[in-house]
Protein backbone atom coordinates (compact mmCIF):
# COMPACT_ATOMS: atom_id res chain seq x y z
CA MET A 1 201.86 38.51 75.46
CA LYS A 2 205.18 39.89 74.44
CA ARG A 3 206.72 38.66 71.20
CA LYS A 4 209.67 37.08 73.03
CA THR A 5 207.40 35.28 75.44
CA TRP A 6 205.21 34.03 72.57
CA ALA A 7 208.27 32.76 70.70
CA LEU A 8 209.58 30.92 73.75
CA SER A 9 206.15 29.42 74.44
CA SER A 10 205.82 28.28 70.83
CA LEU A 11 209.29 26.76 70.92
CA ALA A 12 208.50 24.99 74.17
CA LEU A 13 205.27 23.56 72.71
CA LEU A 14 207.13 22.41 69.60
CA LEU A 15 209.83 20.72 71.64
CA ALA A 16 207.19 19.13 73.85
CA ALA A 17 205.37 17.80 70.78
CA ILE A 18 208.62 16.39 69.34
CA ALA A 19 209.44 14.82 72.71
CA ALA A 20 205.96 13.31 72.98
CA ILE A 21 206.13 11.86 69.46
CA SER A 22 209.61 10.50 70.07
CA LEU A 23 208.60 8.98 73.39
CA THR A 24 205.60 7.30 71.75
CA VAL A 25 207.84 5.64 69.15
CA ILE A 26 210.36 4.63 71.81
CA VAL A 27 207.66 3.08 74.02
CA ILE A 28 205.75 1.27 71.28
CA ASP A 29 208.91 0.59 69.22
CA PRO A 30 207.32 -0.78 66.02
CA PHE A 31 210.53 -2.44 64.82
CA GLN A 32 211.60 -3.83 68.22
CA VAL A 33 214.88 -1.94 68.22
CA TYR A 34 214.88 -1.57 72.02
CA ARG A 35 212.90 -4.63 73.15
CA PRO A 36 210.81 -7.49 71.73
CA ALA A 37 207.13 -6.67 71.14
CA THR A 38 204.92 -8.18 73.83
CA ARG A 39 201.59 -6.36 73.37
CA TYR A 40 201.16 -6.27 69.59
CA LEU A 41 202.14 -8.12 66.41
CA PRO A 42 205.22 -6.37 64.97
CA PRO A 43 205.20 -5.39 61.27
CA ILE A 44 207.61 -8.06 60.07
CA ASP A 45 207.27 -8.86 56.38
CA ARG A 46 209.30 -8.64 53.18
CA THR A 47 208.34 -4.97 52.67
CA THR A 48 209.76 -3.94 56.05
CA GLN A 49 212.70 -6.34 56.00
CA VAL A 50 215.67 -3.96 56.29
CA TYR A 51 213.94 -2.18 59.20
CA ALA A 52 212.59 -5.26 60.94
CA ASN A 53 215.92 -7.08 60.64
CA ALA A 54 217.59 -4.54 62.92
CA GLY A 55 215.11 -5.28 65.70
CA VAL A 56 215.16 -9.05 65.11
CA ALA A 57 218.95 -9.12 65.24
CA ARG A 58 219.05 -6.94 68.38
CA SER A 59 216.16 -8.08 70.49
CA TYR A 60 215.26 -11.71 69.77
CA ALA A 61 216.70 -14.60 71.77
CA TYR A 62 218.97 -16.80 69.63
CA ASP A 63 222.46 -18.23 69.41
CA SER A 64 222.41 -19.30 65.75
CA ALA A 65 221.28 -17.69 62.51
CA VAL A 66 220.64 -18.40 58.85
CA VAL A 67 222.05 -15.64 56.66
CA GLY A 68 221.47 -15.10 52.96
CA THR A 69 219.24 -13.84 50.17
CA SER A 70 215.67 -14.75 49.22
CA VAL A 71 216.67 -18.40 48.65
CA THR A 72 217.20 -18.67 52.44
CA GLU A 73 213.93 -17.04 53.48
CA ASN A 74 212.00 -20.33 53.52
CA PHE A 75 214.23 -22.04 56.07
CA ARG A 76 212.40 -23.11 59.23
CA PRO A 77 214.38 -22.19 62.36
CA SER A 78 212.28 -24.61 64.41
CA GLN A 79 213.51 -27.48 62.21
CA MET A 80 217.08 -26.18 62.37
CA ASP A 81 216.86 -26.09 66.19
CA SER A 82 215.85 -29.74 66.19
CA LEU A 83 218.41 -31.03 63.69
CA LEU A 84 221.39 -28.71 64.21
CA GLY A 85 220.97 -27.70 67.85
CA GLY A 86 220.83 -24.22 69.34
CA ARG A 87 218.16 -21.61 68.71
CA PHE A 88 218.00 -20.20 65.19
CA ILE A 89 216.69 -16.96 63.75
CA LYS A 90 216.46 -15.76 60.15
CA LEU A 91 218.69 -12.83 59.22
CA CYS A 92 217.83 -12.79 55.51
CA THR A 93 217.72 -9.99 52.97
CA SER A 94 215.87 -10.39 49.70
CA ALA A 95 218.23 -9.50 46.83
CA GLY A 96 220.84 -8.88 49.50
CA THR A 97 224.52 -8.27 48.88
CA ALA A 98 227.52 -9.40 50.87
CA TYR A 99 227.35 -6.02 52.63
CA ASN A 100 223.74 -6.65 53.69
CA HIS A 101 224.80 -9.95 55.21
CA ALA A 102 227.79 -8.36 56.94
CA LEU A 103 225.62 -5.69 58.57
CA LEU A 104 223.41 -8.35 60.10
CA MET A 105 226.26 -10.61 61.18
CA ASP A 106 228.02 -7.64 62.74
CA LEU A 107 224.91 -6.76 64.75
CA ALA A 108 224.36 -10.38 65.76
CA PHE A 109 227.93 -10.81 67.01
CA ARG A 110 227.76 -7.50 68.93
CA THR A 111 224.58 -8.45 70.76
CA HIS A 112 224.68 -12.25 71.06
CA ASP A 113 227.06 -15.14 71.68
CA MET A 114 226.83 -16.88 68.33
CA ARG A 115 227.10 -20.66 68.20
CA ARG A 116 226.41 -21.30 64.52
CA ILE A 117 225.74 -19.50 61.23
CA VAL A 118 224.28 -21.19 58.18
CA TYR A 119 225.28 -18.93 55.28
CA GLY A 120 223.82 -19.17 51.78
CA LEU A 121 226.67 -18.10 49.51
CA ASP A 122 224.91 -16.61 46.50
CA VAL A 123 227.62 -15.79 43.94
CA TYR A 124 225.50 -12.87 42.71
CA SER A 125 225.86 -11.23 46.14
CA PHE A 126 229.62 -11.00 45.81
CA ILE A 127 229.85 -9.01 42.58
CA ALA A 128 228.24 -5.87 44.04
CA ARG A 129 230.19 -2.79 45.13
CA LEU A 130 231.54 -2.95 48.67
CA ASP A 131 229.03 -0.35 49.92
CA GLN A 132 226.09 -1.57 47.82
CA THR A 133 222.96 -2.98 49.46
CA GLY A 134 219.97 -4.68 47.90
CA SER A 135 217.74 -1.82 49.07
CA ASP A 136 218.22 1.31 51.18
CA VAL A 137 219.23 0.25 54.68
CA PRO A 138 218.52 2.52 57.70
CA LEU A 139 222.08 2.29 59.01
CA TYR A 140 221.15 4.35 62.07
CA LEU A 141 219.26 1.29 63.38
CA TYR A 142 222.33 -0.94 62.96
CA ASP A 143 224.82 1.08 65.03
CA ASP A 144 225.01 1.60 68.81
CA SER A 145 224.44 5.37 68.85
CA LEU A 146 221.16 6.70 70.31
CA LEU A 147 221.73 10.16 68.88
CA ASN A 148 220.95 9.25 65.29
CA ASP A 149 217.88 7.23 66.34
CA VAL A 150 215.99 10.49 65.95
CA SER A 151 215.68 9.39 62.32
CA TYR A 152 213.63 6.47 63.65
CA TRP A 153 211.60 8.48 66.16
CA LEU A 154 210.54 11.10 63.62
CA ASN A 155 210.37 8.85 60.55
CA ARG A 156 207.32 9.70 58.45
CA SER A 157 206.60 6.07 57.51
CA VAL A 158 206.95 4.95 61.12
CA LEU A 159 204.53 7.63 62.31
CA ALA A 160 202.02 7.41 59.47
CA THR A 161 202.03 3.67 58.71
CA PHE A 162 203.78 1.38 61.16
CA LEU A 163 202.80 3.01 64.44
CA PRO A 164 199.07 2.82 63.49
CA ARG A 165 199.64 -0.74 62.29
CA CYS A 166 201.01 -1.70 65.70
CA LEU A 167 198.14 0.02 67.49
CA SER A 168 195.60 -1.83 65.31
CA ALA A 169 197.25 -5.12 66.31
CA TRP A 170 197.32 -4.21 70.01
CA GLY A 171 196.54 -7.16 72.20
CA GLN A 172 197.72 -9.72 69.63
CA LYS A 173 200.90 -11.31 70.88
CA GLN A 174 203.57 -12.91 68.73
CA ASP A 175 204.52 -16.48 69.52
CA ASP A 176 207.54 -18.58 68.65
CA SER A 177 206.10 -19.49 65.23
CA ILE A 178 207.11 -16.03 64.00
CA ARG A 179 210.65 -17.34 63.61
CA ASP A 180 209.44 -19.67 60.85
CA SER A 181 206.88 -17.36 59.26
CA MET A 182 208.95 -14.17 58.99
CA TYR A 183 209.84 -13.37 55.36
CA CYS A 184 208.64 -16.80 54.25
CA TRP A 185 207.11 -16.84 50.75
CA ALA A 186 206.35 -20.58 50.60
CA GLY A 187 203.00 -21.49 49.06
CA GLN A 188 202.55 -18.19 47.24
CA ASP A 189 203.74 -19.23 43.77
CA GLU A 190 203.32 -21.80 41.03
CA TYR A 191 206.09 -24.34 40.44
CA GLY A 192 207.06 -26.36 37.38
CA PRO A 193 207.48 -25.29 33.73
CA VAL A 194 206.68 -21.70 34.77
CA ALA A 195 210.26 -21.63 36.09
CA LEU A 196 211.50 -21.40 32.51
CA TYR A 197 209.84 -18.00 31.98
CA THR A 198 212.93 -16.29 33.43
CA ALA A 199 215.44 -18.57 31.69
CA ARG A 200 217.43 -18.04 28.49
CA PHE A 201 218.76 -20.73 26.16
CA THR A 202 220.28 -18.74 23.30
CA ALA A 203 223.93 -18.94 22.33
CA PRO A 204 226.11 -16.40 24.17
CA GLU A 205 226.89 -13.23 22.24
CA ASN A 206 229.51 -11.69 24.55
CA LEU A 207 231.59 -13.98 26.71
CA LEU A 208 232.98 -12.48 29.90
CA PRO A 209 236.47 -13.71 30.83
CA ALA A 210 236.65 -16.10 33.76
CA ASP A 211 238.32 -13.47 35.94
CA ALA A 212 235.76 -10.73 35.19
CA TYR A 213 234.46 -10.57 38.78
CA ILE A 214 237.42 -11.98 40.69
CA ARG A 215 238.76 -8.66 42.00
CA GLN A 216 235.35 -7.45 43.21
CA ALA A 217 234.45 -10.80 44.74
CA GLN A 218 237.78 -10.97 46.57
CA ALA A 219 237.19 -7.47 47.95
CA ASN A 220 233.74 -8.51 49.20
CA LEU A 221 235.16 -11.64 50.80
CA ASP A 222 237.90 -9.63 52.50
CA ALA A 223 235.49 -6.98 53.79
CA HIS A 224 232.21 -8.76 54.41
CA LEU A 225 232.76 -12.44 55.25
CA LEU A 226 236.32 -13.50 56.07
CA PRO A 227 236.74 -11.04 58.99
CA TYR A 228 233.78 -12.61 60.84
CA VAL A 229 235.01 -16.14 60.22
CA ALA A 230 238.50 -15.26 61.41
CA ALA A 231 237.39 -13.21 64.44
CA HIS A 232 235.00 -15.88 65.75
CA PRO A 233 236.69 -19.29 65.78
CA GLU A 234 234.15 -20.36 68.40
CA THR A 235 231.33 -20.04 65.85
CA GLN A 236 230.64 -22.79 63.33
CA PHE A 237 230.05 -21.45 59.79
CA ASP A 238 228.10 -23.82 57.52
CA ILE A 239 228.50 -22.15 54.13
CA PHE A 240 226.58 -23.58 51.18
CA PHE A 241 226.27 -22.97 47.47
CA PRO A 242 222.50 -22.86 46.76
CA PRO A 243 221.00 -25.36 44.30
CA TYR A 244 220.12 -23.10 41.37
CA SER A 245 218.12 -24.95 38.74
CA ALA A 246 219.87 -26.25 35.62
CA ALA A 247 217.94 -23.54 33.75
CA GLU A 248 219.79 -20.87 35.76
CA TRP A 249 223.15 -22.26 34.70
CA ALA A 250 221.93 -22.31 31.08
CA THR A 251 220.86 -18.68 31.50
CA MET A 252 224.34 -17.78 32.76
CA GLU A 253 225.81 -19.42 29.68
CA SER A 254 223.43 -17.50 27.43
CA LYS A 255 224.45 -14.24 29.09
CA GLY A 256 228.13 -15.12 28.72
CA THR A 257 228.68 -15.08 32.50
CA LEU A 258 228.92 -18.81 33.23
CA GLU A 259 232.71 -19.12 33.34
CA SER A 260 233.05 -15.97 35.46
CA MET A 261 230.43 -17.18 37.94
CA LEU A 262 232.01 -20.62 38.20
CA ALA A 263 235.36 -18.96 38.84
CA LEU A 264 233.78 -17.21 41.85
CA ARG A 265 232.86 -20.58 43.36
CA SER A 266 236.49 -21.64 43.21
CA LEU A 267 237.63 -18.30 44.64
CA CYS A 268 235.23 -18.59 47.58
CA TYR A 269 236.26 -22.17 48.27
CA ASP A 270 239.96 -21.28 48.25
CA ALA A 271 239.35 -18.34 50.60
CA LEU A 272 237.20 -20.24 53.11
CA SER A 273 238.40 -23.83 53.11
CA GLY A 274 241.44 -23.15 55.29
CA PHE A 275 239.38 -22.20 58.37
CA ALA A 276 238.78 -24.91 60.98
CA ASN A 277 235.37 -23.44 61.84
CA VAL A 278 234.07 -23.55 58.25
CA THR A 279 232.29 -26.41 56.48
CA ILE A 280 231.44 -25.85 52.82
CA TYR A 281 228.46 -27.57 51.16
CA ASP A 282 227.67 -27.66 47.46
CA PHE A 283 224.07 -28.44 46.54
CA THR A 284 224.51 -27.74 42.82
CA THR A 285 225.45 -31.42 42.57
CA ARG A 286 221.97 -32.56 43.56
CA ALA A 287 220.73 -33.61 40.13
CA ASP A 288 217.49 -34.87 41.70
CA TRP A 289 216.78 -31.26 42.72
CA VAL A 290 218.27 -29.04 40.02
CA LEU A 291 216.94 -31.04 37.05
CA ASP A 292 213.36 -31.16 38.33
CA LEU A 293 211.47 -27.97 37.45
CA ASN A 294 208.74 -28.92 39.92
CA ASN A 295 211.13 -27.72 42.62
CA TYR A 296 211.33 -24.17 41.21
CA LYS A 297 209.10 -21.11 40.81
CA ASP A 298 211.71 -19.52 38.53
CA ALA A 299 215.18 -20.50 37.39
CA LEU A 300 216.71 -19.44 40.72
CA HIS A 301 214.19 -19.88 43.55
CA TYR A 302 213.30 -23.30 44.94
CA GLY A 303 210.48 -24.48 47.19
CA GLN A 304 210.55 -24.74 50.96
CA TRP A 305 210.93 -28.53 50.80
CA ILE A 306 214.40 -27.95 49.34
CA ASN A 307 215.30 -25.65 52.26
CA ASP A 308 214.13 -28.42 54.60
CA ALA A 309 216.24 -30.95 52.69
CA ILE A 310 219.30 -28.67 52.87
CA THR A 311 218.96 -28.54 56.66
CA GLU A 312 218.74 -32.34 56.76
CA CYS A 313 221.83 -32.65 54.56
CA ILE A 314 223.83 -30.31 56.80
CA ALA A 315 222.73 -32.28 59.86
CA ARG A 316 223.88 -35.53 58.21
CA GLY A 317 227.08 -34.02 56.81
CA GLU A 318 226.08 -34.68 53.19
CA ASN A 319 227.25 -32.76 50.10
CA VAL A 320 230.34 -31.49 51.90
CA VAL A 321 233.08 -30.15 49.63
CA ALA A 322 236.09 -32.01 50.96
CA ASP A 323 238.65 -30.63 48.51
CA ARG A 324 239.09 -28.48 45.42
CA GLU A 325 238.82 -31.50 43.13
CA THR A 326 235.34 -32.20 44.50
CA LEU A 327 234.28 -28.63 43.74
CA ASP A 328 235.76 -28.78 40.24
CA ALA A 329 233.84 -31.98 39.54
CA ALA A 330 230.65 -30.28 40.74
CA THR A 331 231.42 -27.36 38.44
CA ALA A 332 231.44 -29.72 35.48
CA GLU A 333 228.05 -31.08 36.54
CA ALA A 334 226.62 -27.58 36.85
CA LYS A 335 227.68 -26.78 33.29
CA GLY A 336 226.29 -30.05 31.95
CA LYS A 337 229.83 -30.85 30.80
CA PHE A 338 232.36 -33.36 32.03
CA THR A 339 236.01 -34.35 31.78
CA LEU A 340 237.39 -37.88 31.64
CA THR A 341 241.09 -38.64 31.88
CA ILE A 342 242.25 -41.52 29.69
CA GLU A 343 245.78 -42.88 29.90
CA LEU A 344 247.16 -43.86 26.49
CA GLU A 345 250.18 -46.16 26.70
CA LYS A 346 251.76 -45.23 23.37
CA GLU A 347 251.23 -43.19 20.22
CA GLY A 348 248.68 -44.51 17.78
CA HIS A 349 244.94 -44.69 17.02
CA TYR A 350 242.37 -45.77 19.61
CA ASP A 351 238.67 -46.60 19.20
CA VAL A 352 236.67 -45.09 22.09
CA THR A 353 233.02 -45.54 23.08
CA LEU A 354 231.37 -43.28 25.66
CA THR A 355 228.10 -44.34 27.29
CA ALA A 356 226.00 -41.95 29.40
CA SER A 357 223.39 -43.41 31.76
CA LYS A 358 220.74 -41.82 33.98
CA GLU A 359 217.97 -43.52 35.91
CA GLY A 360 214.65 -43.27 34.09
CA MET A 361 216.24 -42.35 30.75
CA ASN A 362 217.62 -44.34 27.82
CA ASP A 363 221.37 -44.73 27.58
CA ALA A 364 223.21 -42.53 25.06
CA THR A 365 226.30 -43.84 23.28
CA LEU A 366 228.95 -41.96 21.30
CA SER A 367 231.84 -43.66 19.51
CA GLY A 368 234.91 -42.21 17.85
CA GLU A 369 238.63 -42.46 17.31
CA ILE A 370 241.46 -40.85 19.23
CA ALA A 371 244.72 -40.30 17.39
CA TYR A 372 247.55 -39.80 19.86
CA SER A 373 250.80 -38.13 18.89
CA ALA A 374 253.16 -36.52 21.36
CA LYS A 375 253.64 -33.73 18.81
CA THR A 376 249.92 -32.97 18.36
CA LEU A 377 248.92 -29.52 19.59
CA PRO A 378 246.10 -29.68 22.15
CA VAL A 379 243.05 -27.46 21.71
CA SER A 380 239.79 -27.21 23.65
CA GLY A 381 236.65 -25.08 23.57
CA VAL A 382 236.00 -25.25 19.81
CA GLU A 383 232.88 -27.25 19.01
CA GLU A 384 232.38 -29.08 15.71
CA SER A 385 229.00 -27.41 15.18
CA LEU A 386 227.59 -24.21 16.65
CA PHE A 387 224.13 -22.69 16.23
CA VAL A 388 223.85 -18.90 16.66
CA THR A 389 221.07 -16.35 16.20
CA GLY A 390 223.02 -13.07 16.13
CA ASP A 391 224.97 -11.26 13.44
CA THR A 392 228.24 -11.98 15.18
CA THR A 393 229.48 -14.56 17.62
CA THR A 394 232.73 -15.27 19.42
CA ILE A 395 234.54 -18.57 19.67
CA ALA A 396 237.06 -18.99 22.45
CA GLY A 397 239.35 -21.81 23.42
CA THR A 398 242.67 -22.80 24.88
CA THR A 399 245.83 -24.42 23.58
CA LEU A 400 249.51 -24.08 24.46
CA ALA A 401 251.03 -20.66 25.06
CA GLY A 402 252.47 -18.89 22.03
CA VAL A 403 250.69 -20.93 19.38
CA GLN A 404 250.24 -19.20 16.01
CA LEU A 405 246.56 -19.43 15.03
CA GLN A 406 244.94 -18.90 11.64
CA LEU A 407 241.18 -18.90 11.20
CA VAL A 408 240.22 -19.62 7.59
CA THR A 409 236.75 -18.15 6.95
CA PRO A 410 234.53 -17.66 3.89
CA PHE A 411 235.56 -14.00 4.09
CA GLY A 412 239.32 -14.37 4.46
CA VAL A 413 241.98 -15.37 6.98
CA SER A 414 242.43 -14.00 10.53
CA LYS A 415 245.66 -14.50 12.45
CA LYS A 416 246.36 -14.41 16.17
CA ARG A 417 248.73 -15.83 18.76
CA SER A 418 247.54 -17.55 21.94
CA GLY A 419 248.28 -15.77 25.20
CA ASN A 420 250.57 -16.82 28.03
CA ASP A 421 247.71 -18.87 29.46
CA GLY A 422 247.00 -20.46 26.07
CA ALA A 423 243.70 -18.62 25.65
CA PHE A 424 242.47 -17.31 22.30
CA SER A 425 239.29 -15.97 20.73
CA PHE A 426 237.96 -14.96 17.31
CA GLU A 427 234.88 -12.95 16.42
CA LEU A 428 232.88 -14.53 13.60
CA THR A 429 230.56 -12.63 11.27
CA THR A 430 227.29 -14.41 10.48
CA LYS A 431 225.20 -11.57 9.13
CA ASP A 432 223.21 -13.62 6.61
CA ALA A 433 221.34 -16.77 7.64
CA GLY A 434 222.97 -19.99 6.48
CA GLU A 435 225.78 -22.42 7.18
CA TYR A 436 229.38 -21.19 7.42
CA LYS A 437 232.42 -23.47 7.36
CA TYR A 438 235.61 -22.51 9.17
CA THR A 439 239.00 -24.09 9.74
CA LEU A 440 241.25 -23.27 12.69
CA ILE A 441 244.94 -23.92 11.98
CA LEU A 442 247.42 -24.19 14.84
CA ASP A 443 251.21 -23.98 14.43
CA LYS A 444 254.04 -24.10 16.96
CA SER A 445 257.69 -25.01 16.57
CA GLY A 446 258.32 -28.61 17.59
CA TYR A 447 254.72 -29.71 17.02
CA ASN A 448 252.76 -30.99 14.06
CA GLN A 449 250.41 -28.51 12.43
CA ARG A 450 246.81 -29.10 13.52
CA ARG A 451 243.64 -28.23 11.60
CA VAL A 452 240.26 -28.08 13.34
CA PRO A 453 237.24 -27.71 11.02
CA PHE A 454 233.91 -26.55 12.42
CA THR A 455 230.58 -25.26 11.18
CA VAL A 456 228.46 -22.31 12.34
């Protein structure tokens, strides 16, 4: 055989082998990219999620979807069908970002007429980079080009692992229960005090400003959520803030991120509330859920019974955020703090008693005096007593704009002026263990000088 003939024969055999391998993947189609599996159980689990999602979004029959991170994976589409109408599917991504969710919504809208989307708005998902995903996504499975599907046909993992897995499950057919079971982790973990293992309760060392993530979150909203809401007025978007446990909010405070995360809630509400096809739900207000550790496997993740209850609440129209004031009140509850407005008729001294009540617990009462003067400088954020464990800590608060501040410390006097928004902060040195006494002095023309003592 001549060398040229041998080369052409070898090339032909190689091309034939590649074609045969590709055809095998196309026909069996482990991730259901071209058609639903009818002769084997497809490899749908949390390890194959970003691959399997492409086939689920393309090939399954549905007109509604639940979209979100791991806290949405325990929803039961069969229950959602019954209570919300339509036919639901799960388009969830564990540790997913806003971009992950957008990829799946984009594919769903391109291939289906969407009636409803239940969207778990995890604030953590909106602080990622615009092109960041929770794990590597095979984007070639999410577009409409067949040319780059060669990466699927000749994928080493597909050929070595998932194709054999499909062949070993040949003859086992999937039924409708796969909609509920896919990605579901219910029943695999312990709930209760174990949830505190991932929580932190130390005083914050570095406080992020409230607007730390605003620019990135707004960019994610503009790129990965608002365009779908605006382009599909025929689709109902039920967008909910997940019920993180109270321990998760405490952890945010310990990390110094609480104010910045709460600011994202307000940003998202302001961006979404103006759309007629959007209903916003806030489940952080459910004290019966978030204060009961028996509902959580860690500070963030709740049991499937909470997912079921969320579906029931949406069906009944409960926990709807009707206005910004409602969201702000819920924010106070999430922080374990509150604000009460008291109208004082005239200047003078007032005796005030505050009583806090909760079912199953003893009442707590706090009494004190309010001295009201129209010339008294307001100040907030400075606590009378603060316990810290680090060498340094930062106090931050607000007053009027342009107030001259002096912090009298055991080590000297620090001076600052409050910003245009009234904000101020001081770094305190607490290198040696013990009790330190400080006095914050506020001065502004036209107002009485105010002194605020506190102990660290």
